[in-house]
PDB file of all heavy atoms in Angstrom:
ATOM      1  N   LEU A   1       4.820 -11.560 -21.137  1.00  0.00           N
ATOM      2  CA  LEU A   1       5.333 -11.726 -22.500  1.00  0.00           C
ATOM      3  C   LEU A   1       6.750 -11.137 -22.709  1.00  0.00           C
ATOM      4  O   LEU A   1       7.352 -11.483 -23.695  1.00  0.00           O
ATOM      5  CB  LEU A   1       4.335 -11.095 -23.497  1.00  0.00           C
ATOM      6  CG  LEU A   1       2.959 -11.744 -23.569  1.00  0.00           C
ATOM      7  CD1 LEU A   1       2.107 -11.018 -24.614  1.00  0.00           C
ATOM      8  CD2 LEU A   1       3.007 -13.212 -23.824  1.00  0.00           C
ATOM      9  N   GLU A   2       7.217 -10.317 -21.819  1.00  0.00           N
ATOM     10  CA  GLU A   2       8.640  -9.922 -21.852  1.00  0.00           C
ATOM     11  C   GLU A   2       9.529 -11.168 -21.706  1.00  0.00           C
ATOM     12  O   GLU A   2      10.585 -11.263 -22.365  1.00  0.00           O
ATOM     13  CB  GLU A   2       9.017  -8.917 -20.799  1.00  0.00           C
ATOM     14  CG  GLU A   2      10.553  -8.679 -20.715  1.00  0.00           C
ATOM     15  CD  GLU A   2      10.825  -7.562 -19.734  1.00  0.00           C
ATOM     16  OE1 GLU A   2       9.990  -6.784 -19.243  1.00  0.00           O
ATOM     17  OE2 GLU A   2      12.085  -7.345 -19.483  1.00  0.00           O
ATOM     18  N   ASP A   3       9.166 -12.089 -20.838  1.00  0.00           N
ATOM     19  CA  ASP A   3      10.004 -13.183 -20.514  1.00  0.00           C
ATOM     20  C   ASP A   3       9.677 -14.409 -21.334  1.00  0.00           C
ATOM     21  O   ASP A   3      10.576 -15.232 -21.511  1.00  0.00           O
ATOM     22  CB  ASP A   3       9.883 -13.551 -19.075  1.00  0.00           C
ATOM     23  CG  ASP A   3      10.106 -12.313 -18.125  1.00  0.00           C
ATOM     24  OD1 ASP A   3      11.001 -11.459 -18.514  1.00  0.00           O
ATOM     25  OD2 ASP A   3       9.516 -12.147 -17.114  1.00  0.00           O
ATOM     26  N   SER A   4       8.446 -14.640 -21.728  1.00  0.00           N
ATOM     27  CA  SER A   4       8.144 -15.815 -22.532  1.00  0.00           C
ATOM     28  C   SER A   4       6.930 -15.469 -23.319  1.00  0.00           C
ATOM     29  O   SER A   4       5.937 -14.871 -22.908  1.00  0.00           O
ATOM     30  CB  SER A   4       7.781 -17.000 -21.588  1.00  0.00           C
ATOM     31  OG  SER A   4       7.307 -18.044 -22.360  1.00  0.00           O
ATOM     32  N   LEU A   5       6.915 -15.968 -24.635  1.00  0.00           N
ATOM     33  CA  LEU A   5       5.790 -15.742 -25.465  1.00  0.00           C
ATOM     34  C   LEU A   5       4.794 -16.920 -25.426  1.00  0.00           C
ATOM     35  O   LEU A   5       3.786 -16.939 -26.196  1.00  0.00           O
ATOM     36  CB  LEU A   5       6.293 -15.586 -26.926  1.00  0.00           C
ATOM     37  CG  LEU A   5       7.103 -14.366 -27.193  1.00  0.00           C
ATOM     38  CD1 LEU A   5       7.642 -14.328 -28.661  1.00  0.00           C
ATOM     39  CD2 LEU A   5       6.354 -13.029 -26.934  1.00  0.00           C
ATOM     40  N   TRP A   6       5.075 -17.941 -24.596  1.00  0.00           N
ATOM     41  CA  TRP A   6       4.446 -19.217 -24.689  1.00  0.00           C
ATOM     42  C   TRP A   6       3.397 -19.462 -23.480  1.00  0.00           C
ATOM     43  O   TRP A   6       3.619 -18.906 -22.471  1.00  0.00           O
ATOM     44  CB  TRP A   6       5.380 -20.330 -24.696  1.00  0.00           C
ATOM     45  CG  TRP A   6       6.443 -20.083 -25.787  1.00  0.00           C
ATOM     46  CD1 TRP A   6       7.704 -19.587 -25.645  1.00  0.00           C
ATOM     47  CD2 TRP A   6       6.225 -20.316 -27.212  1.00  0.00           C
ATOM     48  NE1 TRP A   6       8.252 -19.418 -26.953  1.00  0.00           N
ATOM     49  CE2 TRP A   6       7.387 -19.890 -27.834  1.00  0.00           C
ATOM     50  CE3 TRP A   6       5.193 -20.846 -27.910  1.00  0.00           C
ATOM     51  CZ2 TRP A   6       7.585 -19.982 -29.193  1.00  0.00           C
ATOM     52  CZ3 TRP A   6       5.312 -20.848 -29.369  1.00  0.00           C
ATOM     53  CH2 TRP A   6       6.543 -20.426 -29.950  1.00  0.00           C
ATOM     54  N   ASP A   7       2.443 -20.324 -23.806  1.00  0.00           N
ATOM     55  CA  ASP A   7       1.504 -20.682 -22.809  1.00  0.00           C
ATOM     56  C   ASP A   7       1.298 -22.223 -22.926  1.00  0.00           C
ATOM     57  O   ASP A   7       0.178 -22.774 -22.871  1.00  0.00           O
ATOM     58  CB  ASP A   7       0.134 -20.003 -23.013  1.00  0.00           C
ATOM     59  CG  ASP A   7      -0.797 -20.280 -21.835  1.00  0.00           C
ATOM     60  OD1 ASP A   7      -0.366 -20.236 -20.662  1.00  0.00           O
ATOM     61  OD2 ASP A   7      -1.995 -20.586 -22.122  1.00  0.00           O
ATOM     62  N   GLY A   8       2.389 -22.869 -23.103  1.00  0.00           N
ATOM     63  CA  GLY A   8       2.415 -24.359 -23.316  1.00  0.00           C
ATOM     64  C   GLY A   8       3.282 -24.612 -24.501  1.00  0.00           C
ATOM     65  O   GLY A   8       3.589 -23.803 -25.361  1.00  0.00           O
ATOM     66  N   PRO A   9       3.652 -25.928 -24.652  1.00  0.00           N
ATOM     67  CA  PRO A   9       4.547 -26.356 -25.769  1.00  0.00           C
ATOM     68  C   PRO A   9       3.966 -26.033 -27.118  1.00  0.00           C
ATOM     69  O   PRO A   9       2.855 -26.478 -27.515  1.00  0.00           O
ATOM     70  CB  PRO A   9       4.665 -27.904 -25.578  1.00  0.00           C
ATOM     71  CG  PRO A   9       4.392 -28.104 -24.118  1.00  0.00           C
ATOM     72  CD  PRO A   9       3.347 -27.000 -23.758  1.00  0.00           C
ATOM     73  N   GLY A  10       4.652 -25.144 -27.878  1.00  0.00           N
ATOM     74  CA  GLY A  10       4.232 -24.787 -29.185  1.00  0.00           C
ATOM     75  C   GLY A  10       2.985 -23.851 -29.253  1.00  0.00           C
ATOM     76  O   GLY A  10       2.481 -23.666 -30.344  1.00  0.00           O
ATOM     77  N   GLN A  11       2.529 -23.364 -28.084  1.00  0.00           N
ATOM     78  CA  GLN A  11       1.257 -22.667 -28.032  1.00  0.00           C
ATOM     79  C   GLN A  11       1.590 -21.178 -27.574  1.00  0.00           C
ATOM     80  O   GLN A  11       1.988 -20.990 -26.411  1.00  0.00           O
ATOM     81  CB  GLN A  11       0.322 -23.247 -27.094  1.00  0.00           C
ATOM     82  CG  GLN A  11      -1.030 -22.596 -26.971  1.00  0.00           C
ATOM     83  CD  GLN A  11      -1.838 -22.774 -28.150  1.00  0.00           C
ATOM     84  OE1 GLN A  11      -1.957 -23.858 -28.741  1.00  0.00           O
ATOM     85  NE2 GLN A  11      -2.494 -21.640 -28.572  1.00  0.00           N
ATOM     86  N   LEU A  12       1.479 -20.249 -28.537  1.00  0.00           N
ATOM     87  CA  LEU A  12       1.655 -18.923 -28.174  1.00  0.00           C
ATOM     88  C   LEU A  12       0.602 -18.438 -27.105  1.00  0.00           C
ATOM     89  O   LEU A  12      -0.522 -18.746 -27.288  1.00  0.00           O
ATOM     90  CB  LEU A  12       1.621 -18.001 -29.383  1.00  0.00           C
ATOM     91  CG  LEU A  12       2.817 -17.951 -30.348  1.00  0.00           C
ATOM     92  CD1 LEU A  12       2.532 -17.145 -31.608  1.00  0.00           C
ATOM     93  CD2 LEU A  12       4.099 -17.496 -29.699  1.00  0.00           C
ATOM     94  N   ALA A  13       1.161 -17.662 -26.149  1.00  0.00           N
ATOM     95  CA  ALA A  13       0.112 -17.006 -25.249  1.00  0.00           C
ATOM     96  C   ALA A  13      -0.578 -15.900 -26.001  1.00  0.00           C
ATOM     97  O   ALA A  13       0.122 -15.099 -26.680  1.00  0.00           O
ATOM     98  CB  ALA A  13       0.891 -16.449 -24.065  1.00  0.00           C
ATOM     99  N   THR A  14      -1.801 -15.772 -25.906  1.00  0.00           N
ATOM    100  CA  THR A  14      -2.599 -14.721 -26.599  1.00  0.00           C
ATOM    101  C   THR A  14      -2.627 -13.439 -25.699  1.00  0.00           C
ATOM    102  O   THR A  14      -3.130 -12.473 -26.272  1.00  0.00           O
ATOM    103  CB  THR A  14      -3.964 -15.152 -26.993  1.00  0.00           C
ATOM    104  OG1 THR A  14      -4.726 -15.508 -25.789  1.00  0.00           O
ATOM    105  CG2 THR A  14      -3.928 -16.444 -27.891  1.00  0.00           C
ATOM    106  N   SER A  15      -2.172 -13.490 -24.523  1.00  0.00           N
ATOM    107  CA  SER A  15      -2.177 -12.289 -23.673  1.00  0.00           C
ATOM    108  C   SER A  15      -1.218 -12.592 -22.517  1.00  0.00           C
ATOM    109  O   SER A  15      -0.938 -13.733 -22.173  1.00  0.00           O
ATOM    110  CB  SER A  15      -3.531 -11.994 -23.190  1.00  0.00           C
ATOM    111  OG  SER A  15      -4.016 -12.992 -22.295  1.00  0.00           O
ATOM    112  N   ASN A  16      -0.938 -11.568 -21.792  1.00  0.00           N
ATOM    113  CA  ASN A  16      -0.172 -11.651 -20.500  1.00  0.00           C
ATOM    114  C   ASN A  16      -1.083 -12.227 -19.504  1.00  0.00           C
ATOM    115  O   ASN A  16      -0.669 -13.005 -18.596  1.00  0.00           O
ATOM    116  CB  ASN A  16       0.223 -10.222 -20.020  1.00  0.00           C
ATOM    117  CG  ASN A  16       1.415  -9.723 -20.799  1.00  0.00           C
ATOM    118  OD1 ASN A  16       2.592 -10.027 -20.439  1.00  0.00           O
ATOM    119  ND2 ASN A  16       1.185  -8.851 -21.771  1.00  0.00           N
ATOM    120  N   THR A  17      -2.403 -11.942 -19.622  1.00  0.00           N
ATOM    121  CA  THR A  17      -3.339 -12.493 -18.571  1.00  0.00           C
ATOM    122  C   THR A  17      -3.282 -14.052 -18.552  1.00  0.00           C
ATOM    123  O   THR A  17      -3.419 -14.633 -17.456  1.00  0.00           O
ATOM    124  CB  THR A  17      -4.763 -12.004 -18.973  1.00  0.00           C
ATOM    125  OG1 THR A  17      -4.695 -10.586 -19.025  1.00  0.00           O
ATOM    126  CG2 THR A  17      -5.725 -12.439 -17.867  1.00  0.00           C
ATOM    127  N   GLN A  18      -3.115 -14.724 -19.648  1.00  0.00           N
ATOM    128  CA  GLN A  18      -3.021 -16.171 -19.635  1.00  0.00           C
ATOM    129  C   GLN A  18      -1.945 -16.632 -18.725  1.00  0.00           C
ATOM    130  O   GLN A  18      -2.224 -17.592 -17.940  1.00  0.00           O
ATOM    131  CB  GLN A  18      -2.769 -16.669 -21.097  1.00  0.00           C
ATOM    132  CG  GLN A  18      -4.026 -16.785 -22.019  1.00  0.00           C
ATOM    133  CD  GLN A  18      -3.636 -17.495 -23.227  1.00  0.00           C
ATOM    134  OE1 GLN A  18      -2.658 -17.207 -23.883  1.00  0.00           O
ATOM    135  NE2 GLN A  18      -4.523 -18.436 -23.662  1.00  0.00           N
ATOM    136  N   GLN A  19      -0.840 -16.003 -18.795  1.00  0.00           N
ATOM    137  CA  GLN A  19       0.288 -16.422 -17.976  1.00  0.00           C
ATOM    138  C   GLN A  19       0.041 -16.085 -16.439  1.00  0.00           C
ATOM    139  O   GLN A  19       0.429 -16.924 -15.582  1.00  0.00           O
ATOM    140  CB  GLN A  19       1.612 -15.781 -18.443  1.00  0.00           C
ATOM    141  CG  GLN A  19       2.003 -16.273 -19.880  1.00  0.00           C
ATOM    142  CD  GLN A  19       3.282 -15.677 -20.327  1.00  0.00           C
ATOM    143  OE1 GLN A  19       3.745 -14.719 -19.718  1.00  0.00           O
ATOM    144  NE2 GLN A  19       3.786 -16.108 -21.509  1.00  0.00           N
ATOM    145  N   VAL A  20      -0.555 -14.969 -16.260  1.00  0.00           N
ATOM    146  CA  VAL A  20      -0.822 -14.625 -14.887  1.00  0.00           C
ATOM    147  C   VAL A  20      -1.864 -15.676 -14.271  1.00  0.00           C
ATOM    148  O   VAL A  20      -1.676 -16.138 -13.145  1.00  0.00           O
ATOM    149  CB  VAL A  20      -1.416 -13.183 -14.729  1.00  0.00           C
ATOM    150  CG1 VAL A  20      -1.867 -12.894 -13.293  1.00  0.00           C
ATOM    151  CG2 VAL A  20      -0.290 -12.197 -15.186  1.00  0.00           C
ATOM    152  N   ARG A  21      -2.895 -15.909 -15.027  1.00  0.00           N
ATOM    153  CA  ARG A  21      -3.912 -16.896 -14.587  1.00  0.00           C
ATOM    154  C   ARG A  21      -3.303 -18.287 -14.288  1.00  0.00           C
ATOM    155  O   ARG A  21      -3.669 -18.960 -13.370  1.00  0.00           O
ATOM    156  CB  ARG A  21      -5.049 -17.029 -15.605  1.00  0.00           C
ATOM    157  CG  ARG A  21      -5.961 -15.798 -15.596  1.00  0.00           C
ATOM    158  CD  ARG A  21      -6.942 -15.862 -16.600  1.00  0.00           C
ATOM    159  NE  ARG A  21      -7.908 -14.757 -16.587  1.00  0.00           N
ATOM    160  CZ  ARG A  21      -8.695 -14.427 -17.613  1.00  0.00           C
ATOM    161  NH1 ARG A  21      -8.646 -15.082 -18.771  1.00  0.00           N
ATOM    162  NH2 ARG A  21      -9.496 -13.355 -17.483  1.00  0.00           N
ATOM    163  N   ARG A  22      -2.366 -18.636 -15.160  1.00  0.00           N
ATOM    164  CA  ARG A  22      -1.736 -19.968 -15.033  1.00  0.00           C
ATOM    165  C   ARG A  22      -0.929 -20.028 -13.645  1.00  0.00           C
ATOM    166  O   ARG A  22      -1.091 -20.952 -12.887  1.00  0.00           O
ATOM    167  CB  ARG A  22      -0.803 -20.241 -16.175  1.00  0.00           C
ATOM    168  CG  ARG A  22      -0.186 -21.669 -16.100  1.00  0.00           C
ATOM    169  CD  ARG A  22       0.631 -21.987 -17.398  1.00  0.00           C
ATOM    170  NE  ARG A  22      -0.215 -22.099 -18.521  1.00  0.00           N
ATOM    171  CZ  ARG A  22      -0.789 -23.315 -18.942  1.00  0.00           C
ATOM    172  NH1 ARG A  22      -0.633 -24.323 -18.216  1.00  0.00           N
ATOM    173  NH2 ARG A  22      -1.539 -23.369 -20.057  1.00  0.00           N
ATOM    174  N   ILE A  23      -0.114 -19.072 -13.394  1.00  0.00           N
ATOM    175  CA  ILE A  23       0.678 -19.082 -12.156  1.00  0.00           C
ATOM    176  C   ILE A  23      -0.170 -18.903 -10.958  1.00  0.00           C
ATOM    177  O   ILE A  23      -0.021 -19.557  -9.928  1.00  0.00           O
ATOM    178  CB  ILE A  23       1.870 -18.051 -12.173  1.00  0.00           C
ATOM    179  CG1 ILE A  23       2.809 -18.398 -11.065  1.00  0.00           C
ATOM    180  CG2 ILE A  23       1.380 -16.645 -12.071  1.00  0.00           C
ATOM    181  CD1 ILE A  23       3.425 -19.817 -11.127  1.00  0.00           C
ATOM    182  N   VAL A  24      -1.274 -18.082 -11.065  1.00  0.00           N
ATOM    183  CA  VAL A  24      -2.184 -17.907  -9.928  1.00  0.00           C
ATOM    184  C   VAL A  24      -2.892 -19.265  -9.637  1.00  0.00           C
ATOM    185  O   VAL A  24      -3.079 -19.650  -8.480  1.00  0.00           O
ATOM    186  CB  VAL A  24      -3.246 -16.815 -10.189  1.00  0.00           C
ATOM    187  CG1 VAL A  24      -4.428 -16.860  -9.282  1.00  0.00           C
ATOM    188  CG2 VAL A  24      -2.562 -15.422 -10.174  1.00  0.00           C
ATOM    189  N   SER A  25      -3.277 -19.949 -10.613  1.00  0.00           N
ATOM    190  CA  SER A  25      -3.912 -21.293 -10.454  1.00  0.00           C
ATOM    191  C   SER A  25      -2.874 -22.213  -9.684  1.00  0.00           C
ATOM    192  O   SER A  25      -3.376 -22.952  -8.907  1.00  0.00           O
ATOM    193  CB  SER A  25      -4.279 -21.835 -11.803  1.00  0.00           C
ATOM    194  OG  SER A  25      -4.779 -23.218 -11.625  1.00  0.00           O
ATOM    195  N   ILE A  26      -1.639 -22.142 -10.124  1.00  0.00           N
ATOM    196  CA  ILE A  26      -0.682 -23.033  -9.435  1.00  0.00           C
ATOM    197  C   ILE A  26      -0.469 -22.644  -7.971  1.00  0.00           C
ATOM    198  O   ILE A  26      -0.468 -23.438  -7.053  1.00  0.00           O
ATOM    199  CB  ILE A  26       0.663 -22.938 -10.173  1.00  0.00           C
ATOM    200  CG1 ILE A  26       0.584 -23.630 -11.513  1.00  0.00           C
ATOM    201  CG2 ILE A  26       1.871 -23.567  -9.394  1.00  0.00           C
ATOM    202  CD1 ILE A  26       1.765 -23.401 -12.496  1.00  0.00           C
ATOM    203  N   LEU A  27      -0.494 -21.312  -7.690  1.00  0.00           N
ATOM    204  CA  LEU A  27      -0.347 -20.865  -6.289  1.00  0.00           C
ATOM    205  C   LEU A  27      -1.462 -21.315  -5.519  1.00  0.00           C
ATOM    206  O   LEU A  27      -1.353 -21.773  -4.321  1.00  0.00           O
ATOM    207  CB  LEU A  27      -0.297 -19.353  -6.343  1.00  0.00           C
ATOM    208  CG  LEU A  27       0.942 -18.720  -6.923  1.00  0.00           C
ATOM    209  CD1 LEU A  27       0.845 -17.198  -6.963  1.00  0.00           C
ATOM    210  CD2 LEU A  27       2.200 -19.142  -6.123  1.00  0.00           C
ATOM    211  N   GLN A  28      -2.710 -21.194  -6.057  1.00  0.00           N
ATOM    212  CA  GLN A  28      -3.916 -21.691  -5.334  1.00  0.00           C
ATOM    213  C   GLN A  28      -3.850 -23.148  -5.104  1.00  0.00           C
ATOM    214  O   GLN A  28      -4.266 -23.653  -4.022  1.00  0.00           O
ATOM    215  CB  GLN A  28      -5.144 -21.273  -6.122  1.00  0.00           C
ATOM    216  CG  GLN A  28      -5.391 -19.761  -6.198  1.00  0.00           C
ATOM    217  CD  GLN A  28      -6.483 -19.341  -7.139  1.00  0.00           C
ATOM    218  OE1 GLN A  28      -6.828 -20.101  -8.053  1.00  0.00           O
ATOM    219  NE2 GLN A  28      -7.027 -18.199  -6.917  1.00  0.00           N
ATOM    220  N   SER A  29      -3.338 -23.955  -6.106  1.00  0.00           N
ATOM    221  CA  SER A  29      -3.220 -25.345  -5.845  1.00  0.00           C
ATOM    222  C   SER A  29      -2.231 -25.666  -4.699  1.00  0.00           C
ATOM    223  O   SER A  29      -2.317 -26.727  -4.118  1.00  0.00           O
ATOM    224  CB  SER A  29      -2.757 -26.063  -7.156  1.00  0.00           C
ATOM    225  OG  SER A  29      -3.731 -25.858  -8.155  1.00  0.00           O
ATOM    226  N   LEU A  30      -1.274 -24.816  -4.534  1.00  0.00           N
ATOM    227  CA  LEU A  30      -0.340 -24.985  -3.428  1.00  0.00           C
ATOM    228  C   LEU A  30      -0.739 -24.459  -2.139  1.00  0.00           C
ATOM    229  O   LEU A  30       0.007 -24.358  -1.161  1.00  0.00           O
ATOM    230  CB  LEU A  30       1.014 -24.414  -3.879  1.00  0.00           C
ATOM    231  CG  LEU A  30       1.769 -25.064  -5.054  1.00  0.00           C
ATOM    232  CD1 LEU A  30       3.003 -24.213  -5.478  1.00  0.00           C
ATOM    233  CD2 LEU A  30       2.185 -26.514  -4.644  1.00  0.00           C
ATOM    234  N   ASN A  31      -2.032 -23.876  -2.133  1.00  0.00           N
ATOM    235  CA  ASN A  31      -2.609 -23.283  -0.895  1.00  0.00           C
ATOM    236  C   ASN A  31      -1.841 -22.135  -0.504  1.00  0.00           C
ATOM    237  O   ASN A  31      -1.645 -21.750   0.652  1.00  0.00           O
ATOM    238  CB  ASN A  31      -2.666 -24.212   0.226  1.00  0.00           C
ATOM    239  CG  ASN A  31      -3.618 -25.396  -0.032  1.00  0.00           C
ATOM    240  OD1 ASN A  31      -4.785 -25.177  -0.617  1.00  0.00           O
ATOM    241  ND2 ASN A  31      -3.331 -26.564   0.354  1.00  0.00           N
ATOM    242  N   LEU A  32      -1.311 -21.345  -1.514  1.00  0.00           N
ATOM    243  CA  LEU A  32      -0.611 -20.044  -1.282  1.00  0.00           C
ATOM    244  C   LEU A  32      -1.425 -18.912  -1.700  1.00  0.00           C
ATOM    245  O   LEU A  32      -2.140 -18.916  -2.701  1.00  0.00           O
ATOM    246  CB  LEU A  32       0.719 -20.030  -2.068  1.00  0.00           C
ATOM    247  CG  LEU A  32       1.674 -21.125  -1.721  1.00  0.00           C
ATOM    248  CD1 LEU A  32       2.806 -21.119  -2.788  1.00  0.00           C
ATOM    249  CD2 LEU A  32       2.289 -20.870  -0.360  1.00  0.00           C
ATOM    250  N   ALA A  33      -1.520 -17.850  -0.841  1.00  0.00           N
ATOM    251  CA  ALA A  33      -2.333 -16.653  -1.113  1.00  0.00           C
ATOM    252  C   ALA A  33      -1.611 -15.695  -2.021  1.00  0.00           C
ATOM    253  O   ALA A  33      -0.375 -15.567  -1.972  1.00  0.00           O
ATOM    254  CB  ALA A  33      -2.638 -15.935   0.241  1.00  0.00           C
ATOM    255  N   VAL A  34      -2.336 -15.098  -2.909  1.00  0.00           N
ATOM    256  CA  VAL A  34      -1.760 -14.182  -3.922  1.00  0.00           C
ATOM    257  C   VAL A  34      -1.843 -12.770  -3.364  1.00  0.00           C
ATOM    258  O   VAL A  34      -2.918 -12.266  -2.936  1.00  0.00           O
ATOM    259  CB  VAL A  34      -2.578 -14.216  -5.233  1.00  0.00           C
ATOM    260  CG1 VAL A  34      -2.004 -13.239  -6.211  1.00  0.00           C
ATOM    261  CG2 VAL A  34      -2.531 -15.672  -5.756  1.00  0.00           C
ATOM    262  N   ALA A  35      -0.742 -12.030  -3.357  1.00  0.00           N
ATOM    263  CA  ALA A  35      -0.679 -10.692  -2.805  1.00  0.00           C
ATOM    264  C   ALA A  35      -1.455  -9.716  -3.677  1.00  0.00           C
ATOM    265  O   ALA A  35      -1.441  -9.785  -4.938  1.00  0.00           O
ATOM    266  CB  ALA A  35       0.751 -10.216  -2.668  1.00  0.00           C
ATOM    267  N   THR A  36      -2.166  -8.795  -3.140  1.00  0.00           N
ATOM    268  CA  THR A  36      -2.805  -7.656  -3.746  1.00  0.00           C
ATOM    269  C   THR A  36      -1.668  -6.562  -3.943  1.00  0.00           C
ATOM    270  O   THR A  36      -0.714  -6.659  -3.288  1.00  0.00           O
ATOM    271  CB  THR A  36      -3.978  -7.154  -3.012  1.00  0.00           C
ATOM    272  OG1 THR A  36      -3.456  -6.541  -1.727  1.00  0.00           O
ATOM    273  CG2 THR A  36      -4.988  -8.256  -2.658  1.00  0.00           C
ATOM    274  N   PRO A  37      -2.011  -5.475  -4.796  1.00  0.00           N
ATOM    275  CA  PRO A  37      -1.120  -4.396  -4.784  1.00  0.00           C
ATOM    276  C   PRO A  37      -0.732  -3.759  -3.488  1.00  0.00           C
ATOM    277  O   PRO A  37       0.360  -3.477  -3.149  1.00  0.00           O
ATOM    278  CB  PRO A  37      -1.860  -3.449  -5.783  1.00  0.00           C
ATOM    279  CG  PRO A  37      -2.618  -4.312  -6.678  1.00  0.00           C
ATOM    280  CD  PRO A  37      -3.145  -5.437  -5.848  1.00  0.00           C
ATOM    281  N   ASP A  38      -1.792  -3.669  -2.647  1.00  0.00           N
ATOM    282  CA  ASP A  38      -1.524  -3.119  -1.266  1.00  0.00           C
ATOM    283  C   ASP A  38      -0.681  -4.076  -0.390  1.00  0.00           C
ATOM    284  O   ASP A  38       0.044  -3.559   0.429  1.00  0.00           O
ATOM    285  CB  ASP A  38      -2.806  -2.713  -0.595  1.00  0.00           C
ATOM    286  CG  ASP A  38      -3.433  -1.419  -1.163  1.00  0.00           C
ATOM    287  OD1 ASP A  38      -2.689  -0.610  -1.741  1.00  0.00           O
ATOM    288  OD2 ASP A  38      -4.640  -1.183  -0.975  1.00  0.00           O
ATOM    289  N   ASP A  39      -0.866  -5.350  -0.537  1.00  0.00           N
ATOM    290  CA  ASP A  39       0.018  -6.288   0.134  1.00  0.00           C
ATOM    291  C   ASP A  39       1.421  -6.125  -0.263  1.00  0.00           C
ATOM    292  O   ASP A  39       2.343  -6.077   0.479  1.00  0.00           O
ATOM    293  CB  ASP A  39      -0.487  -7.656  -0.182  1.00  0.00           C
ATOM    294  CG  ASP A  39      -1.801  -8.126   0.484  1.00  0.00           C
ATOM    295  OD1 ASP A  39      -2.108  -7.596   1.496  1.00  0.00           O
ATOM    296  OD2 ASP A  39      -2.519  -8.998  -0.146  1.00  0.00           O
ATOM    297  N   ALA A  40       1.655  -5.897  -1.611  1.00  0.00           N
ATOM    298  CA  ALA A  40       3.044  -5.724  -2.107  1.00  0.00           C
ATOM    299  C   ALA A  40       3.580  -4.454  -1.614  1.00  0.00           C
ATOM    300  O   ALA A  40       4.763  -4.384  -1.250  1.00  0.00           O
ATOM    301  CB  ALA A  40       3.005  -5.713  -3.695  1.00  0.00           C
ATOM    302  N   ARG A  41       2.759  -3.354  -1.513  1.00  0.00           N
ATOM    303  CA  ARG A  41       3.274  -2.085  -0.993  1.00  0.00           C
ATOM    304  C   ARG A  41       3.677  -2.264   0.494  1.00  0.00           C
ATOM    305  O   ARG A  41       4.675  -1.734   0.933  1.00  0.00           O
ATOM    306  CB  ARG A  41       2.154  -1.098  -1.120  1.00  0.00           C
ATOM    307  CG  ARG A  41       1.888  -0.666  -2.499  1.00  0.00           C
ATOM    308  CD  ARG A  41       0.865   0.541  -2.663  1.00  0.00           C
ATOM    309  NE  ARG A  41       0.740   0.908  -3.993  1.00  0.00           N
ATOM    310  CZ  ARG A  41      -0.244   0.583  -4.840  1.00  0.00           C
ATOM    311  NH1 ARG A  41      -1.167  -0.308  -4.437  1.00  0.00           N
ATOM    312  NH2 ARG A  41      -0.255   1.064  -6.059  1.00  0.00           N
ATOM    313  N   ARG A  42       2.944  -3.065   1.226  1.00  0.00           N
ATOM    314  CA  ARG A  42       3.217  -3.296   2.619  1.00  0.00           C
ATOM    315  C   ARG A  42       4.512  -4.047   2.851  1.00  0.00           C
ATOM    316  O   ARG A  42       5.412  -3.691   3.542  1.00  0.00           O
ATOM    317  CB  ARG A  42       2.024  -3.937   3.330  1.00  0.00           C
ATOM    318  CG  ARG A  42       2.366  -4.486   4.699  1.00  0.00           C
ATOM    319  CD  ARG A  42       1.208  -5.199   5.408  1.00  0.00           C
ATOM    320  NE  ARG A  42       0.682  -6.254   4.459  1.00  0.00           N
ATOM    321  CZ  ARG A  42       1.220  -7.479   4.466  1.00  0.00           C
ATOM    322  NH1 ARG A  42       2.300  -7.801   5.163  1.00  0.00           N
ATOM    323  NH2 ARG A  42       0.683  -8.442   3.666  1.00  0.00           N
ATOM    324  N   MET A  43       4.633  -5.116   2.045  1.00  0.00           N
ATOM    325  CA  MET A  43       5.812  -5.972   2.186  1.00  0.00           C
ATOM    326  C   MET A  43       7.097  -5.252   1.718  1.00  0.00           C
ATOM    327  O   MET A  43       8.136  -5.425   2.395  1.00  0.00           O
ATOM    328  CB  MET A  43       5.569  -7.277   1.261  1.00  0.00           C
ATOM    329  CG  MET A  43       4.441  -8.182   1.745  1.00  0.00           C
ATOM    330  SD  MET A  43       3.872  -9.355   0.560  1.00  0.00           S
ATOM    331  CE  MET A  43       5.371 -10.348   0.304  1.00  0.00           C
ATOM    332  N   LEU A  44       7.001  -4.586   0.661  1.00  0.00           N
ATOM    333  CA  LEU A  44       8.184  -3.945   0.086  1.00  0.00           C
ATOM    334  C   LEU A  44       8.401  -2.539   0.621  1.00  0.00           C
ATOM    335  O   LEU A  44       9.415  -1.879   0.266  1.00  0.00           O
ATOM    336  CB  LEU A  44       8.132  -3.895  -1.485  1.00  0.00           C
ATOM    337  CG  LEU A  44       8.041  -5.273  -2.135  1.00  0.00           C
ATOM    338  CD1 LEU A  44       7.871  -5.064  -3.639  1.00  0.00           C
ATOM    339  CD2 LEU A  44       9.181  -6.153  -1.820  1.00  0.00           C
TER     340      LEU A  44
END
């Protein structure tokens, strides 16, 4: 919600979780794995 208040055209996101779930769904559709916190710690 810092970057966007929206979850679709004219539709306010009711939580940050909505946006996270949306991008996670897209990643899964692209057959991309989502990093865990420990994965991020390892990578960075």
